[in-house]
Amino acid sequence: MKPSNRSIFIDLFAGLGGFHQALSQLGCICVFSSELKVDLQQLYKINFPDTPIYGDITKIEPSAIPSHDILCAGFPCQPFSQAGKRQGFNDEKERGNLFYYICGILKEHNPKYVILENVANLKGHDNGNTWSVISTELDKLGYSVKAEILSPHQFGIPQHRKRIYIVCLRKDFGNLDNFEFPKGDKNATCNIKSIINEHDEKITPLKPETLKQLEVWQKFIDQTIAHGDTIPTFPIWAMEFGATYRYEDLAPAFQSYEELKGTNGKLGVIVKG
């Protein structure tokens, strides 16, 4: 599975333009992009000035989107993320239903390829039902589907960010039986200094609170390893590390200042008001 050098693609839920960066390096041409957040739209325009970028994709009729060979979409991950409410397709803000808007564009344009990205938890969300719905819908639309969970650090890039990548090929062009995702090294070691310019003077220093957070988190990691355990795979909210207020009878949110006075709160900082 390899798009031709002049393949046309669209970039939905574009964010910083990761899909654009990758496909343009292969010689592909982006004719349409959308991103809801205004600041990201502005950054996208700076990075890719020749590509028109629009806002809310649900305000655009699929028929108004240019024809394309490849549809790329990093559709909203909050409904499926372990760090969110994990409401999936029942997300109260309807972000989970944006997948169906993608399906509407596929029905209209029938691109040869589809590349989707989301949080790793999407595969196991709702006991696998969410992934079953997505893969079934794509199959009904005439696509052969494969998915894999990968992280940049497996390829020497210093960032731990597991994501599920879903690739689809329209069945009238064949199937993905012989397609293989790139093989990364799950035990690869990376050095963040490989991407940081330590001599750059145009920087924003980390706030003292952020440095404190990193210090607390590092202490937690060190203690975990020192006691022969492993870092858990579920989210841990470190904000309460170092807190000394009482919580057994009444949550701190419902306590008065007099009750909290003299205790430590978020990240061990003394409660002040």
Protein backbone atom coordinates (compact mmCIF):
# COMPACT_ATOMS: atom_id res chain seq x y z
CA MET A 1 0.00 0.00 0.00
CA LYS A 2 1.75 3.12 -1.26
CA PRO A 3 0.04 6.16 -2.77
CA SER A 4 1.36 7.49 -6.06
CA ASN A 5 3.51 10.60 -5.87
CA ARG A 6 0.77 12.92 -7.14
CA SER A 7 -2.11 11.52 -5.10
CA ILE A 8 -4.62 14.08 -3.86
CA PHE A 9 -5.53 14.04 -0.15
CA ILE A 10 -7.68 15.89 2.36
CA ASP A 11 -6.67 16.51 5.97
CA LEU A 12 -9.59 16.41 8.45
CA PHE A 13 -9.29 17.37 12.14
CA ALA A 14 -5.89 18.51 10.96
CA GLY A 15 -4.38 19.73 14.24
CA LEU A 16 -0.75 20.67 13.66
CA GLY A 17 -0.72 18.98 10.25
CA GLY A 18 1.02 15.67 10.96
CA PHE A 19 -0.69 13.86 8.09
CA HIS A 20 0.05 16.79 5.78
CA GLN A 21 3.73 16.74 6.67
CA ALA A 22 4.04 13.01 6.04
CA LEU A 23 2.10 12.78 2.78
CA SER A 24 3.57 15.94 1.27
CA GLN A 25 7.02 14.41 1.76
CA LEU A 26 5.80 11.56 -0.46
CA GLY A 27 4.82 14.08 -3.13
CA CYS A 28 1.08 14.02 -2.43
CA ILE A 29 -0.99 17.20 -2.72
CA CYS A 30 -3.44 18.46 -0.07
CA VAL A 31 -6.48 20.22 -1.53
CA PHE A 32 -8.62 20.64 1.60
CA SER A 33 -8.15 20.74 5.36
CA SER A 34 -10.29 21.44 8.41
CA GLU A 35 -9.56 22.19 12.05
CA LEU A 36 -11.95 23.51 14.69
CA LYS A 37 -9.45 25.37 16.90
CA VAL A 38 -8.63 28.84 15.61
CA ASP A 39 -5.05 28.93 16.94
CA LEU A 40 -4.28 25.67 15.16
CA GLN A 41 -5.86 26.98 11.97
CA GLN A 42 -3.51 29.95 12.11
CA LEU A 43 -0.48 27.75 12.67
CA TYR A 44 -1.58 25.44 9.84
CA LYS A 45 -1.78 28.43 7.47
CA ILE A 46 1.80 29.38 8.38
CA ASN A 47 3.10 25.86 7.81
CA PHE A 48 1.01 25.08 4.72
CA PRO A 49 0.06 28.40 3.09
CA ASP A 50 -1.07 26.80 -0.19
CA THR A 51 -3.74 24.63 1.42
CA PRO A 52 -7.19 26.09 2.21
CA ILE A 53 -8.21 25.36 5.79
CA TYR A 54 -11.75 25.52 7.15
CA GLY A 55 -13.30 25.35 10.61
CA ASP A 56 -16.13 23.10 11.78
CA ILE A 57 -16.24 20.21 9.32
CA THR A 58 -19.86 19.46 10.18
CA LYS A 59 -20.84 22.81 8.64
CA ILE A 60 -19.51 21.71 5.25
CA GLU A 61 -21.52 19.50 2.94
CA PRO A 62 -19.53 16.43 1.82
CA SER A 63 -20.36 17.34 -1.80
CA ALA A 64 -18.54 20.68 -1.33
CA ILE A 65 -15.29 18.92 -0.44
CA PRO A 66 -12.92 18.44 -3.43
CA SER A 67 -12.45 14.97 -4.90
CA HIS A 68 -9.48 13.12 -3.45
CA ASP A 69 -7.55 9.85 -3.50
CA ILE A 70 -6.76 9.74 0.22
CA LEU A 71 -8.80 10.81 3.23
CA CYS A 72 -6.80 11.46 6.41
CA ALA A 73 -8.48 12.13 9.72
CA GLY A 74 -7.28 12.30 13.30
CA PHE A 75 -10.86 12.41 14.51
CA PRO A 76 -11.50 13.57 18.11
CA CYS A 77 -10.09 11.17 20.66
CA GLN A 78 -11.66 12.51 23.88
CA PRO A 79 -14.72 10.21 23.74
CA PHE A 80 -12.44 7.15 23.70
CA SER A 81 -9.51 8.32 25.84
CA GLN A 82 -8.75 6.75 29.21
CA ALA A 83 -8.21 10.28 30.49
CA GLY A 84 -11.72 11.38 29.53
CA LYS A 85 -15.26 10.22 30.31
CA ARG A 86 -14.92 7.42 27.74
CA GLN A 87 -18.45 7.98 26.45
CA GLY A 88 -17.52 6.93 22.92
CA PHE A 89 -20.31 7.36 20.40
CA ASN A 90 -22.56 8.58 23.24
CA ASP A 91 -20.29 11.55 23.92
CA GLU A 92 -22.46 14.40 25.25
CA LYS A 93 -20.65 16.88 22.98
CA GLU A 94 -21.23 14.60 19.96
CA ARG A 95 -17.50 14.37 19.21
CA GLY A 96 -17.80 10.60 19.09
CA ASN A 97 -20.28 10.86 16.25
CA LEU A 98 -17.83 12.69 14.02
CA PHE A 99 -16.72 9.29 12.77
CA TYR A 100 -20.08 9.06 11.01
CA TYR A 101 -19.41 12.37 9.32
CA ILE A 102 -16.23 10.84 7.93
CA CYS A 103 -18.37 7.97 6.65
CA GLY A 104 -20.58 10.51 4.89
CA ILE A 105 -17.56 11.93 3.05
CA LEU A 106 -16.47 8.41 2.09
CA LYS A 107 -19.91 7.70 0.63
CA GLU A 108 -19.73 10.89 -1.39
CA HIS A 109 -16.18 10.60 -2.74
CA ASN A 110 -15.08 6.95 -2.42
CA PRO A 111 -11.35 7.70 -2.07
CA LYS A 112 -8.96 4.85 -2.73
CA TYR A 113 -7.25 5.12 0.65
CA VAL A 114 -8.33 6.10 4.17
CA ILE A 115 -5.90 6.75 7.03
CA LEU A 116 -7.34 7.38 10.50
CA GLU A 117 -5.70 7.99 13.87
CA ASN A 118 -6.99 7.92 17.43
CA VAL A 119 -6.01 7.03 20.99
CA ALA A 120 -4.88 3.48 21.66
CA ASN A 121 -7.85 2.93 23.97
CA LEU A 122 -10.23 3.07 21.02
CA LYS A 123 -9.47 -0.59 20.23
CA GLY A 124 -10.62 -1.80 23.66
CA HIS A 125 -13.23 0.86 24.41
CA ASP A 126 -16.62 -0.48 25.49
CA ASN A 127 -15.24 -4.03 25.57
CA GLY A 128 -14.26 -3.82 21.92
CA ASN A 129 -17.70 -2.71 20.72
CA THR A 130 -16.48 0.69 19.53
CA TRP A 131 -13.80 -0.85 17.31
CA SER A 132 -16.31 -3.39 16.06
CA VAL A 133 -18.66 -0.59 14.97
CA ILE A 134 -15.87 1.36 13.24
CA SER A 135 -14.41 -1.62 11.38
CA THR A 136 -17.87 -2.87 10.40
CA GLU A 137 -18.92 0.54 9.04
CA LEU A 138 -15.74 0.84 7.00
CA ASP A 139 -16.25 -2.68 5.68
CA LYS A 140 -19.82 -1.81 4.65
CA LEU A 141 -18.47 1.20 2.75
CA GLY A 142 -16.33 -1.17 0.70
CA TYR A 143 -12.97 -0.95 2.45
CA SER A 144 -10.42 -3.52 3.54
CA VAL A 145 -9.27 -2.48 7.03
CA LYS A 146 -6.19 -2.98 9.19
CA ALA A 147 -5.18 -1.31 12.46
CA GLU A 148 -2.11 -1.20 14.66
CA ILE A 149 -1.09 0.56 17.87
CA LEU A 150 2.23 2.36 17.53
CA SER A 151 4.21 4.99 19.43
CA PRO A 152 6.89 7.43 18.16
CA HIS A 153 9.43 6.16 20.68
CA GLN A 154 9.45 2.78 18.92
CA PHE A 155 11.02 4.54 15.94
CA GLY A 156 13.66 6.56 17.75
CA ILE A 157 11.53 9.68 18.28
CA PRO A 158 11.60 10.75 21.97
CA GLN A 159 7.90 10.77 22.73
CA HIS A 160 5.75 8.09 24.35
CA ARG A 161 2.40 8.54 22.61
CA LYS A 162 0.59 5.33 21.78
CA ARG A 163 -1.97 5.78 19.03
CA ILE A 164 -4.07 3.46 16.91
CA TYR A 165 -3.53 3.87 13.17
CA ILE A 166 -6.26 2.59 10.89
CA VAL A 167 -5.53 2.12 7.18
CA CYS A 168 -8.14 1.25 4.59
CA LEU A 169 -7.99 0.29 0.91
CA ARG A 170 -11.05 0.33 -1.30
CA LYS A 171 -11.84 -3.31 -2.07
CA ASP A 172 -12.09 -2.83 -5.82
CA PHE A 173 -8.36 -2.06 -5.72
CA GLY A 174 -7.56 -5.23 -3.76
CA ASN A 175 -7.14 -5.95 -0.04
CA LEU A 176 -4.64 -5.44 2.75
CA ASP A 177 -3.72 -9.10 3.26
CA ASN A 178 -0.09 -8.40 2.35
CA PHE A 179 0.11 -5.00 3.98
CA GLU A 180 2.27 -4.72 7.10
CA PHE A 181 2.70 -1.79 9.44
CA PRO A 182 6.28 -0.65 10.08
CA LYS A 183 7.96 -2.71 12.77
CA GLY A 184 9.15 -0.54 15.62
CA ASP A 185 11.21 -1.54 18.62
CA LYS A 186 9.10 -1.44 21.78
CA ASN A 187 12.28 -1.41 23.86
CA ALA A 188 13.96 1.38 21.91
CA THR A 189 15.76 4.04 23.93
CA CYS A 190 15.52 7.70 22.99
CA ASN A 191 17.16 10.92 24.13
CA ILE A 192 15.04 14.06 24.18
CA LYS A 193 18.19 16.12 23.63
CA SER A 194 18.21 14.81 20.08
CA ILE A 195 15.37 17.20 19.24
CA ILE A 196 16.06 20.07 21.64
CA ASN A 197 18.27 23.02 20.79
CA GLU A 198 19.87 23.74 24.16
CA HIS A 199 21.31 27.01 22.84
CA ASP A 200 17.98 28.49 21.73
CA GLU A 201 17.32 31.74 23.59
CA LYS A 202 13.72 32.14 22.37
CA ILE A 203 12.20 29.87 24.96
CA THR A 204 9.41 29.96 27.52
CA PRO A 205 10.80 28.70 30.85
CA LEU A 206 8.77 26.11 32.71
CA LYS A 207 6.71 27.59 35.52
CA PRO A 208 7.77 26.73 39.10
CA GLU A 209 4.51 24.79 39.49
CA THR A 210 5.33 22.71 36.41
CA LEU A 211 8.84 22.00 37.69
CA LYS A 212 7.27 20.90 40.98
CA GLN A 213 4.94 18.57 39.10
CA LEU A 214 7.86 17.00 37.25
CA GLU A 215 9.76 16.61 40.52
CA VAL A 216 6.81 14.90 42.21
CA TRP A 217 6.21 12.63 39.24
CA GLN A 218 9.89 11.65 39.05
CA LYS A 219 9.87 10.81 42.75
CA PHE A 220 6.85 8.58 42.20
CA ILE A 221 8.59 6.76 39.34
CA ASP A 222 11.80 6.34 41.36
CA GLN A 223 9.91 4.99 44.39
CA THR A 224 7.91 2.60 42.23
CA ILE A 225 11.02 1.13 40.64
CA ALA A 226 12.91 1.06 43.96
CA HIS A 227 10.16 -1.11 45.41
CA GLY A 228 10.41 -3.59 42.55
CA ASP A 229 7.16 -2.57 40.88
CA THR A 230 6.36 -1.32 37.38
CA ILE A 231 4.73 1.89 36.21
CA PRO A 232 0.98 1.21 35.85
CA THR A 233 -0.63 1.49 32.42
CA PHE A 234 -3.71 3.36 33.65
CA PRO A 235 -3.84 7.15 34.21
CA ILE A 236 -2.58 8.47 37.53
CA TRP A 237 -3.57 11.96 38.60
CA ALA A 238 -0.45 13.30 40.30
CA MET A 239 -1.99 16.59 41.44
CA GLU A 240 -2.85 15.20 44.87
CA PHE A 241 0.65 13.92 45.59
CA GLY A 242 1.89 15.60 48.77
CA ALA A 243 -1.57 16.60 49.99
CA THR A 244 -2.16 16.35 53.75
CA TYR A 245 -5.75 17.59 54.14
CA ARG A 246 -8.34 15.25 55.61
CA TYR A 247 -10.75 13.65 53.18
CA GLU A 248 -12.24 10.64 55.00
CA ASP A 249 -15.45 12.31 56.19
CA LEU A 250 -15.78 15.18 53.72
CA ALA A 251 -14.16 15.91 50.38
CA PRO A 252 -11.90 19.02 50.44
CA ALA A 253 -14.12 20.76 47.87
CA PHE A 254 -16.81 20.94 50.57
CA GLN A 255 -14.53 21.96 53.43
CA SER A 256 -14.14 25.53 54.65
CA TYR A 257 -10.87 27.42 54.57
CA GLU A 258 -10.64 27.11 58.34
CA GLU A 259 -10.78 23.33 58.02
CA LEU A 260 -8.13 23.30 55.29
CA LYS A 261 -5.88 25.97 56.78
CA GLY A 262 -2.39 24.74 57.54
CA THR A 263 -2.66 21.63 55.36
CA ASN A 264 -1.02 20.90 52.06
CA GLY A 265 -3.12 20.72 48.93
CA LYS A 266 -2.27 20.30 45.24
CA LEU A 267 1.24 18.87 44.84
CA GLY A 268 2.02 19.52 48.48
CA VAL A 269 1.55 23.29 48.28
CA ILE A 270 0.19 24.90 51.46
CA VAL A 271 -3.49 25.83 51.14
CA LYS A 272 -3.85 29.63 50.99
CA GLY A 273 -7.44 30.73 50.69
